[in-house]
C-alpha atoms as a PDB file:
ATOM      1  CA  UNK A   1      -4.512   7.696  10.069  1.00  0.00           C
ATOM      2  CA  UNK A   2      -5.511   4.397  11.680  1.00  0.00           C
ATOM      3  CA  UNK A   3      -8.821   4.127  13.529  1.00  0.00           C
ATOM      4  CA  UNK A   4     -10.392   1.486  15.737  1.00  0.00           C
ATOM      5  CA  UNK A   5     -13.198   0.073  13.560  1.00  0.00           C
ATOM      6  CA  UNK A   6     -15.560  -0.444  16.527  1.00  0.00           C
ATOM      7  CA  UNK A   7     -15.080   2.828  18.406  1.00  0.00           C
ATOM      8  CA  UNK A   8     -13.648   5.246  15.846  1.00  0.00           C
ATOM      9  CA  UNK A   9     -10.826   6.102  18.259  1.00  0.00           C
ATOM     10  CA  UNK A  10      -7.526   7.135  16.684  1.00  0.00           C
ATOM     11  CA  UNK A  11      -4.885   4.398  17.088  1.00  0.00           C
ATOM     12  CA  UNK A  12      -2.174   6.377  15.280  1.00  0.00           C
ATOM     13  CA  UNK A  13      -2.086   9.375  13.027  1.00  0.00           C
ATOM     14  CA  UNK A  14      -1.628  11.701  11.274  1.00  0.00           C
ATOM     15  CA  UNK A  15       1.659  10.141  10.064  1.00  0.00           C
ATOM     16  CA  UNK A  16       2.049  10.353   6.297  1.00  0.00           C
ATOM     17  CA  UNK A  17       2.443   7.806   3.575  1.00  0.00           C
ATOM     18  CA  UNK A  18       3.788   8.755   0.127  1.00  0.00           C
ATOM     19  CA  UNK A  19       2.231  11.998  -1.106  1.00  0.00           C
ATOM     20  CA  UNK A  20      -0.400  11.697  -3.762  1.00  0.00           C
ATOM     21  CA  UNK A  21      -4.014  10.791  -4.334  1.00  0.00           C
ATOM     22  CA  UNK A  22      -4.975   7.290  -3.194  1.00  0.00           C
ATOM     23  CA  UNK A  23      -7.937   5.715  -4.988  1.00  0.00           C
ATOM     24  CA  UNK A  24      -7.034   2.050  -4.395  1.00  0.00           C
ATOM     25  CA  UNK A  25      -8.006   0.168  -1.256  1.00  0.00           C
ATOM     26  CA  UNK A  26      -5.200  -0.698   1.163  1.00  0.00           C
ATOM     27  CA  UNK A  27      -4.031  -4.311   0.815  1.00  0.00           C
ATOM     28  CA  UNK A  28      -3.124  -6.545   3.784  1.00  0.00           C
ATOM     29  CA  UNK A  29      -0.656  -9.378   3.150  1.00  0.00           C
ATOM     30  CA  UNK A  30       2.047 -11.057   5.236  1.00  0.00           C
ATOM     31  CA  UNK A  31       1.348  -8.790   8.246  1.00  0.00           C
ATOM     32  CA  UNK A  32       1.968  -5.712   6.089  1.00  0.00           C
ATOM     33  CA  UNK A  33      -0.342  -2.999   4.761  1.00  0.00           C
ATOM     34  CA  UNK A  34       0.314  -1.802   1.200  1.00  0.00           C
ATOM     35  CA  UNK A  35      -1.041   1.620   0.205  1.00  0.00           C
ATOM     36  CA  UNK A  36      -0.631   2.563  -3.472  1.00  0.00           C
ATOM     37  CA  UNK A  37      -1.241   6.040  -4.832  1.00  0.00           C
ATOM     38  CA  UNK A  38      -2.291   6.939  -8.382  1.00  0.00           C
ATOM     39  CA  UNK A  39       1.362   7.483  -9.413  1.00  0.00           C
ATOM     40  CA  UNK A  40       2.152   3.815  -8.593  1.00  0.00           C
ATOM     41  CA  UNK A  41       4.067   4.677  -5.415  1.00  0.00           C
ATOM     42  CA  UNK A  42       3.406   2.037  -2.758  1.00  0.00           C
ATOM     43  CA  UNK A  43       3.968   2.643   0.949  1.00  0.00           C
ATOM     44  CA  UNK A  44       4.493  -0.503   3.044  1.00  0.00           C
ATOM     45  CA  UNK A  45       3.510  -0.359   6.719  1.00  0.00           C
ATOM     46  CA  UNK A  46       3.706  -2.986   9.450  1.00  0.00           C
ATOM     47  CA  UNK A  47       0.184  -4.110  10.354  1.00  0.00           C
ATOM     48  CA  UNK A  48      -0.260  -3.292  14.012  1.00  0.00           C
ATOM     49  CA  UNK A  49      -1.162  -0.740  16.647  1.00  0.00           C
ATOM     50  CA  UNK A  50       1.753   1.638  15.961  1.00  0.00           C
ATOM     51  CA  UNK A  51       2.898   3.458  12.835  1.00  0.00           C
ATOM     52  CA  UNK A  52       5.913   1.635  11.385  1.00  0.00           C
ATOM     53  CA  UNK A  53       7.026   2.561   7.871  1.00  0.00           C
ATOM     54  CA  UNK A  54       8.804  -0.431   6.303  1.00  0.00           C
ATOM     55  CA  UNK A  55       9.382   0.810   2.752  1.00  0.00           C
ATOM     56  CA  UNK A  56       8.314   3.162  -0.008  1.00  0.00           C
ATOM     57  CA  UNK A  57       8.400   1.720  -3.522  1.00  0.00           C
ATOM     58  CA  UNK A  58       8.403   4.065  -6.492  1.00  0.00           C
ATOM     59  CA  UNK A  59       7.760   2.138  -9.696  1.00  0.00           C
ATOM     60  CA  UNK A  60       8.048   3.746 -13.111  1.00  0.00           C
ATOM     61  CA  UNK A  61       4.782   2.088 -14.002  1.00  0.00           C
ATOM     62  CA  UNK A  62       2.430   4.862 -15.000  1.00  0.00           C
ATOM     63  CA  UNK A  63      -0.986   5.680 -13.592  1.00  0.00           C
ATOM     64  CA  UNK A  64      -3.049   3.295 -11.446  1.00  0.00           C
ATOM     65  CA  UNK A  65      -6.365   3.276  -9.631  1.00  0.00           C
ATOM     66  CA  UNK A  66      -6.116  -0.445  -8.824  1.00  0.00           C
ATOM     67  CA  UNK A  67      -5.579  -2.126  -5.495  1.00  0.00           C
ATOM     68  CA  UNK A  68      -2.756  -4.649  -5.288  1.00  0.00           C
ATOM     69  CA  UNK A  69      -3.797  -8.263  -5.829  1.00  0.00           C
ATOM     70  CA  UNK A  70      -2.330 -11.087  -3.744  1.00  0.00           C
ATOM     71  CA  UNK A  71      -1.806 -14.678  -4.851  1.00  0.00           C
ATOM     72  CA  UNK A  72       0.173 -16.813  -2.422  1.00  0.00           C
ATOM     73  CA  UNK A  73       3.400 -14.906  -1.808  1.00  0.00           C
ATOM     74  CA  UNK A  74       3.069 -12.792  -4.960  1.00  0.00           C
ATOM     75  CA  UNK A  75       1.798  -9.230  -5.336  1.00  0.00           C
ATOM     76  CA  UNK A  76       0.389  -7.882  -8.592  1.00  0.00           C
ATOM     77  CA  UNK A  77      -0.228  -4.294  -9.678  1.00  0.00           C
ATOM     78  CA  UNK A  78      -2.201  -3.197 -12.738  1.00  0.00           C
ATOM     79  CA  UNK A  79      -1.500   0.202 -14.247  1.00  0.00           C
ATOM     80  CA  UNK A  80      -2.886   1.910 -17.313  1.00  0.00           C
ATOM     81  CA  UNK A  81      -0.354   0.048 -19.506  1.00  0.00           C
ATOM     82  CA  UNK A  82       1.189  -2.803 -17.473  1.00  0.00           C
ATOM     83  CA  UNK A  83       0.524  -5.791 -15.247  1.00  0.00           C
ATOM     84  CA  UNK A  84       3.417  -6.094 -12.797  1.00  0.00           C
ATOM     85  CA  UNK A  85       4.464  -8.943 -10.535  1.00  0.00           C
ATOM     86  CA  UNK A  86       5.397  -6.789  -7.576  1.00  0.00           C
ATOM     87  CA  UNK A  87       7.066  -9.599  -5.628  1.00  0.00           C
ATOM     88  CA  UNK A  88      10.121  -8.909  -7.744  1.00  0.00           C
ATOM     89  CA  UNK A  89       9.821  -5.120  -7.439  1.00  0.00           C
ATOM     90  CA  UNK A  90       8.566  -4.340  -3.902  1.00  0.00           C
ATOM     91  CA  UNK A  91      10.882  -3.931  -0.924  1.00  0.00           C
ATOM     92  CA  UNK A  92       9.261  -4.975   2.338  1.00  0.00           C
END
């Protein structure tokens, strides 16, 4: 669900991202919103006023509570056993 931060009005929702518990904060990069669940499945949405699913990335990377990190044009994900450079793994 996407809400207007000032008014609380619903902009879009209740469209679904990948099923699972999300503990990480959403990450905004390159006009995209990345939402990663605890099973290391990342949903990529277009940043904007309508729901637009761009990709769902399922990585065999284990368990994660971490938000994606951004450095330049690179994305990084930390799991319980790995540090991944997601720029090589994520479809956007």
